[in-house]
Amino acid sequence: MRKAIQVLLIIAMVGCGLVMLEGLAVMIGGDTYEDVITIATLLNLEIEEAQSIVGIVYIVEGAISLIIAIFAYKHFMAAQCASDIKTGWKIITLIFVGLVQGILMFCIKDEDFPGYIPPQTVTGNGDDYMTQFAKLKELYDMGAITEEEYKQLKNDLFDKYNF
């Protein structure tokens, strides 16, 4: 999933660049876009003035999204685990960069990051309770501990493991 998010963030950056280029194309002229005609009609402007306004809006929209996408990408790449990706970045990515990228950033798990080491359960000295009871019994059978010591240590193990 990590690689998918990386690729989708890069695609979003390219898309933002294309929106900025479209803004330049609108400003330069050529085909009259529906947005330009709508703005010209609503604001009672000449087509050229409306083209400038729509072009600037496209450029600003693309630039803001591009900047946020770049910072989201850097933040994502610096993360070592899922909790390193702050919720604010996830929400900003969801709103300004792309719906899919933002959702995937919310869904990513620690297992998707390189160097992930699954948590291991370790008891007091690394042995499970059956091994500890067996060692205790072996010490008693060898005569290394007395019957009283054996009973006391056995009760301690029962308490430790809540038996």
C-alpha atoms as a PDB file:
ATOM      1  CA  MET A   1       0.000   0.000   0.000  1.00  0.00           C
ATOM      2  CA  ARG A   2       2.943   2.322   0.680  1.00  0.00           C
ATOM      3  CA  LYS A   3       4.063   2.160  -2.941  1.00  0.00           C
ATOM      4  CA  ALA A   4       0.508   2.831  -4.166  1.00  0.00           C
ATOM      5  CA  ILE A   5       0.284   5.979  -2.037  1.00  0.00           C
ATOM      6  CA  GLN A   6       3.670   7.159  -3.331  1.00  0.00           C
ATOM      7  CA  VAL A   7       2.625   6.655  -6.955  1.00  0.00           C
ATOM      8  CA  LEU A   8      -0.777   8.287  -6.445  1.00  0.00           C
ATOM      9  CA  LEU A   9       0.801  11.323  -4.758  1.00  0.00           C
ATOM     10  CA  ILE A  10       3.183  11.712  -7.695  1.00  0.00           C
ATOM     11  CA  ILE A  11       0.277  11.391 -10.147  1.00  0.00           C
ATOM     12  CA  ALA A  12      -1.567  14.074  -8.160  1.00  0.00           C
ATOM     13  CA  MET A  13       1.472  16.364  -8.441  1.00  0.00           C
ATOM     14  CA  VAL A  14       1.518  15.891 -12.200  1.00  0.00           C
ATOM     15  CA  GLY A  15      -2.216  16.584 -12.310  1.00  0.00           C
ATOM     16  CA  CYS A  16      -1.709  19.811 -10.357  1.00  0.00           C
ATOM     17  CA  GLY A  17       0.927  20.863 -12.865  1.00  0.00           C
ATOM     18  CA  LEU A  18      -1.507  20.168 -15.693  1.00  0.00           C
ATOM     19  CA  VAL A  19      -4.175  22.317 -14.009  1.00  0.00           C
ATOM     20  CA  MET A  20      -1.653  25.158 -13.842  1.00  0.00           C
ATOM     21  CA  LEU A  21      -0.831  24.703 -17.535  1.00  0.00           C
ATOM     22  CA  GLU A  22      -4.535  24.734 -18.337  1.00  0.00           C
ATOM     23  CA  GLY A  23      -4.779  28.034 -16.468  1.00  0.00           C
ATOM     24  CA  LEU A  24      -2.028  29.444 -18.668  1.00  0.00           C
ATOM     25  CA  ALA A  25      -3.822  28.161 -21.765  1.00  0.00           C
ATOM     26  CA  VAL A  26      -7.052  29.838 -20.682  1.00  0.00           C
ATOM     27  CA  MET A  27      -5.229  33.123 -20.040  1.00  0.00           C
ATOM     28  CA  ILE A  28      -3.499  33.044 -23.424  1.00  0.00           C
ATOM     29  CA  GLY A  29      -6.774  32.497 -25.218  1.00  0.00           C
ATOM     30  CA  GLY A  30      -7.580  30.066 -27.916  1.00  0.00           C
ATOM     31  CA  ASP A  31     -10.744  28.118 -27.251  1.00  0.00           C
ATOM     32  CA  THR A  32     -13.309  29.815 -25.085  1.00  0.00           C
ATOM     33  CA  TYR A  33     -14.028  27.594 -22.112  1.00  0.00           C
ATOM     34  CA  GLU A  34     -17.486  27.276 -20.613  1.00  0.00           C
ATOM     35  CA  ASP A  35     -16.113  28.654 -17.315  1.00  0.00           C
ATOM     36  CA  VAL A  36     -14.934  31.787 -19.115  1.00  0.00           C
ATOM     37  CA  ILE A  37     -18.339  32.409 -20.700  1.00  0.00           C
ATOM     38  CA  THR A  38     -20.083  31.835 -17.359  1.00  0.00           C
ATOM     39  CA  ILE A  39     -17.781  34.263 -15.517  1.00  0.00           C
ATOM     40  CA  ALA A  40     -18.084  36.846 -18.302  1.00  0.00           C
ATOM     41  CA  THR A  41     -21.854  36.634 -18.197  1.00  0.00           C
ATOM     42  CA  LEU A  42     -22.153  36.696 -14.401  1.00  0.00           C
ATOM     43  CA  LEU A  43     -19.730  39.572 -13.873  1.00  0.00           C
ATOM     44  CA  ASN A  44     -20.595  41.441 -17.054  1.00  0.00           C
ATOM     45  CA  LEU A  45     -16.983  41.291 -18.295  1.00  0.00           C
ATOM     46  CA  GLU A  46     -15.314  41.029 -21.656  1.00  0.00           C
ATOM     47  CA  ILE A  47     -14.188  37.535 -22.662  1.00  0.00           C
ATOM     48  CA  GLU A  48     -10.496  38.499 -22.305  1.00  0.00           C
ATOM     49  CA  GLU A  49     -11.020  39.715 -18.733  1.00  0.00           C
ATOM     50  CA  ALA A  50     -12.938  36.570 -17.845  1.00  0.00           C
ATOM     51  CA  GLN A  51     -10.163  34.471 -19.401  1.00  0.00           C
ATOM     52  CA  SER A  52      -7.633  36.178 -17.155  1.00  0.00           C
ATOM     53  CA  ILE A  53      -9.726  35.587 -14.044  1.00  0.00           C
ATOM     54  CA  VAL A  54     -10.429  31.928 -14.821  1.00  0.00           C
ATOM     55  CA  GLY A  55      -6.797  31.351 -15.802  1.00  0.00           C
ATOM     56  CA  ILE A  56      -5.508  32.867 -12.564  1.00  0.00           C
ATOM     57  CA  VAL A  57      -7.971  30.792 -10.518  1.00  0.00           C
ATOM     58  CA  TYR A  58      -6.781  27.594 -12.245  1.00  0.00           C
ATOM     59  CA  ILE A  59      -3.131  28.507 -11.696  1.00  0.00           C
ATOM     60  CA  VAL A  60      -3.668  29.333  -8.014  1.00  0.00           C
ATOM     61  CA  GLU A  61      -5.751  26.201  -7.453  1.00  0.00           C
ATOM     62  CA  GLY A  62      -3.109  24.034  -9.116  1.00  0.00           C
ATOM     63  CA  ALA A  63      -0.255  25.720  -7.257  1.00  0.00           C
ATOM     64  CA  ILE A  64      -1.872  25.315  -3.836  1.00  0.00           C
ATOM     65  CA  SER A  65      -2.657  21.659  -4.484  1.00  0.00           C
ATOM     66  CA  LEU A  66       0.847  21.068  -5.859  1.00  0.00           C
ATOM     67  CA  ILE A  67       2.531  22.605  -2.814  1.00  0.00           C
ATOM     68  CA  ILE A  68       0.368  20.588  -0.438  1.00  0.00           C
ATOM     69  CA  ALA A  69       0.987  17.402  -2.455  1.00  0.00           C
ATOM     70  CA  ILE A  70       4.759  17.955  -2.307  1.00  0.00           C
ATOM     71  CA  PHE A  71       4.723  18.485   1.456  1.00  0.00           C
ATOM     72  CA  ALA A  72       2.358  15.521   1.977  1.00  0.00           C
ATOM     73  CA  TYR A  73       4.712  13.358  -0.089  1.00  0.00           C
ATOM     74  CA  LYS A  74       7.744  14.471   1.941  1.00  0.00           C
ATOM     75  CA  HIS A  75       5.881  13.882   5.210  1.00  0.00           C
ATOM     76  CA  PHE A  76       4.731  10.456   4.029  1.00  0.00           C
ATOM     77  CA  MET A  77       8.195   9.418   2.864  1.00  0.00           C
ATOM     78  CA  ALA A  78       9.749  10.466   6.203  1.00  0.00           C
ATOM     79  CA  ALA A  79       7.285   8.311   8.175  1.00  0.00           C
ATOM     80  CA  GLN A  80       8.677   5.132   9.716  1.00  0.00           C
ATOM     81  CA  CYS A  81       5.291   3.792  10.805  1.00  0.00           C
ATOM     82  CA  ALA A  82       1.615   4.605  10.332  1.00  0.00           C
ATOM     83  CA  SER A  83       1.418   6.729  13.482  1.00  0.00           C
ATOM     84  CA  ASP A  84       4.151   9.029  12.114  1.00  0.00           C
ATOM     85  CA  ILE A  85       1.669  10.298   9.515  1.00  0.00           C
ATOM     86  CA  LYS A  86      -0.202  13.000  11.380  1.00  0.00           C
ATOM     87  CA  THR A  87      -3.985  13.135  11.076  1.00  0.00           C
ATOM     88  CA  GLY A  88      -3.793  16.734   9.868  1.00  0.00           C
ATOM     89  CA  TRP A  89      -1.701  15.697   6.871  1.00  0.00           C
ATOM     90  CA  LYS A  90      -4.139  12.899   6.105  1.00  0.00           C
ATOM     91  CA  ILE A  91      -7.091  15.305   6.150  1.00  0.00           C
ATOM     92  CA  ILE A  92      -5.299  17.997   4.125  1.00  0.00           C
ATOM     93  CA  THR A  93      -4.263  15.384   1.568  1.00  0.00           C
ATOM     94  CA  LEU A  94      -7.829  14.107   1.402  1.00  0.00           C
ATOM     95  CA  ILE A  95      -9.236  17.596   0.785  1.00  0.00           C
ATOM     96  CA  PHE A  96      -6.620  19.320  -1.366  1.00  0.00           C
ATOM     97  CA  VAL A  97      -4.691  16.548  -3.137  1.00  0.00           C
ATOM     98  CA  GLY A  98      -6.959  13.604  -3.735  1.00  0.00           C
ATOM     99  CA  LEU A  99      -9.683  11.530  -2.178  1.00  0.00           C
ATOM    100  CA  VAL A 100      -7.993   8.183  -2.847  1.00  0.00           C
ATOM    101  CA  GLN A 101      -4.602   9.328  -1.542  1.00  0.00           C
ATOM    102  CA  GLY A 102      -6.146  10.663   1.650  1.00  0.00           C
ATOM    103  CA  ILE A 103      -8.208   7.542   2.290  1.00  0.00           C
ATOM    104  CA  LEU A 104      -5.200   5.283   1.716  1.00  0.00           C
ATOM    105  CA  MET A 105      -3.150   7.382   4.134  1.00  0.00           C
ATOM    106  CA  PHE A 106      -5.849   6.754   6.757  1.00  0.00           C
ATOM    107  CA  CYS A 107      -5.857   3.005   5.999  1.00  0.00           C
ATOM    108  CA  ILE A 108      -2.109   2.289   5.901  1.00  0.00           C
ATOM    109  CA  LYS A 109      -0.755   0.003   8.625  1.00  0.00           C
ATOM    110  CA  ASP A 110       2.662  -0.365  10.225  1.00  0.00           C
ATOM    111  CA  GLU A 111       3.187  -3.636   8.316  1.00  0.00           C
ATOM    112  CA  ASP A 112       3.313  -1.613   5.071  1.00  0.00           C
ATOM    113  CA  PHE A 113       6.465   0.252   6.095  1.00  0.00           C
ATOM    114  CA  PRO A 114       9.978  -1.062   5.455  1.00  0.00           C
ATOM    115  CA  GLY A 115      11.762  -2.336   8.519  1.00  0.00           C
ATOM    116  CA  TYR A 116       8.541  -3.319  10.287  1.00  0.00           C
ATOM    117  CA  ILE A 117       9.204  -5.755  13.110  1.00  0.00           C
ATOM    118  CA  PRO A 118       6.115  -7.473  14.504  1.00  0.00           C
ATOM    119  CA  PRO A 119       5.709  -7.188  18.264  1.00  0.00           C
ATOM    120  CA  GLN A 120       6.867 -10.202  20.231  1.00  0.00           C
ATOM    121  CA  THR A 121       5.432 -11.392  23.476  1.00  0.00           C
ATOM    122  CA  VAL A 122       8.069 -11.985  26.113  1.00  0.00           C
ATOM    123  CA  THR A 123       7.519 -13.298  29.616  1.00  0.00           C
ATOM    124  CA  GLY A 124       9.662 -12.408  32.614  1.00  0.00           C
ATOM    125  CA  ASN A 125      12.795 -14.364  31.673  1.00  0.00           C
ATOM    126  CA  GLY A 126      11.793 -15.406  28.171  1.00  0.00           C
ATOM    127  CA  ASP A 127      10.319 -18.785  29.189  1.00  0.00           C
ATOM    128  CA  ASP A 128       6.690 -19.727  29.199  1.00  0.00           C
ATOM    129  CA  TYR A 129       5.078 -20.822  32.457  1.00  0.00           C
ATOM    130  CA  MET A 130       5.232 -24.552  31.654  1.00  0.00           C
ATOM    131  CA  THR A 131       8.991 -24.372  31.155  1.00  0.00           C
ATOM    132  CA  GLN A 132       9.401 -22.471  34.420  1.00  0.00           C
ATOM    133  CA  PHE A 133       7.340 -25.053  36.339  1.00  0.00           C
ATOM    134  CA  ALA A 134       9.366 -27.874  34.737  1.00  0.00           C
ATOM    135  CA  LYS A 135      12.663 -26.231  35.743  1.00  0.00           C
ATOM    136  CA  LEU A 136      11.381 -25.728  39.277  1.00  0.00           C
ATOM    137  CA  LYS A 137      10.332 -29.387  39.532  1.00  0.00           C
ATOM    138  CA  GLU A 138      13.707 -30.479  38.159  1.00  0.00           C
ATOM    139  CA  LEU A 139      15.507 -28.422  40.826  1.00  0.00           C
ATOM    140  CA  TYR A 140      13.358 -30.032  43.514  1.00  0.00           C
ATOM    141  CA  ASP A 141      13.901 -33.562  42.150  1.00  0.00           C
ATOM    142  CA  MET A 142      17.704 -32.977  42.038  1.00  0.00           C
ATOM    143  CA  GLY A 143      17.616 -31.863  45.665  1.00  0.00           C
ATOM    144  CA  ALA A 144      18.848 -28.364  44.813  1.00  0.00           C
ATOM    145  CA  ILE A 145      15.900 -26.847  46.707  1.00  0.00           C
ATOM    146  CA  THR A 146      13.955 -28.052  49.722  1.00  0.00           C
ATOM    147  CA  GLU A 147      10.298 -29.023  49.715  1.00  0.00           C
ATOM    148  CA  GLU A 148       9.420 -25.755  51.473  1.00  0.00           C
ATOM    149  CA  GLU A 149      11.356 -23.715  48.887  1.00  0.00           C
ATOM    150  CA  TYR A 150       9.729 -25.708  46.100  1.00  0.00           C
ATOM    151  CA  LYS A 151       6.220 -25.010  47.445  1.00  0.00           C
ATOM    152  CA  GLN A 152       6.997 -21.325  47.958  1.00  0.00           C
ATOM    153  CA  LEU A 153       8.459 -20.881  44.444  1.00  0.00           C
ATOM    154  CA  LYS A 154       5.588 -22.861  42.932  1.00  0.00           C
ATOM    155  CA  ASN A 155       3.072 -20.594  44.693  1.00  0.00           C
ATOM    156  CA  ASP A 156       5.012 -17.550  43.455  1.00  0.00           C
ATOM    157  CA  LEU A 157       4.719 -18.848  39.885  1.00  0.00           C
ATOM    158  CA  PHE A 158       1.000 -19.488  40.367  1.00  0.00           C
ATOM    159  CA  ASP A 159       0.595 -15.900  41.555  1.00  0.00           C
ATOM    160  CA  LYS A 160       2.725 -14.549  38.704  1.00  0.00           C
ATOM    161  CA  TYR A 161       0.600 -16.267  36.061  1.00  0.00           C
ATOM    162  CA  ASN A 162      -2.724 -15.771  37.896  1.00  0.00           C
ATOM    163  CA  PHE A 163      -3.547 -19.464  38.313  1.00  0.00           C
END
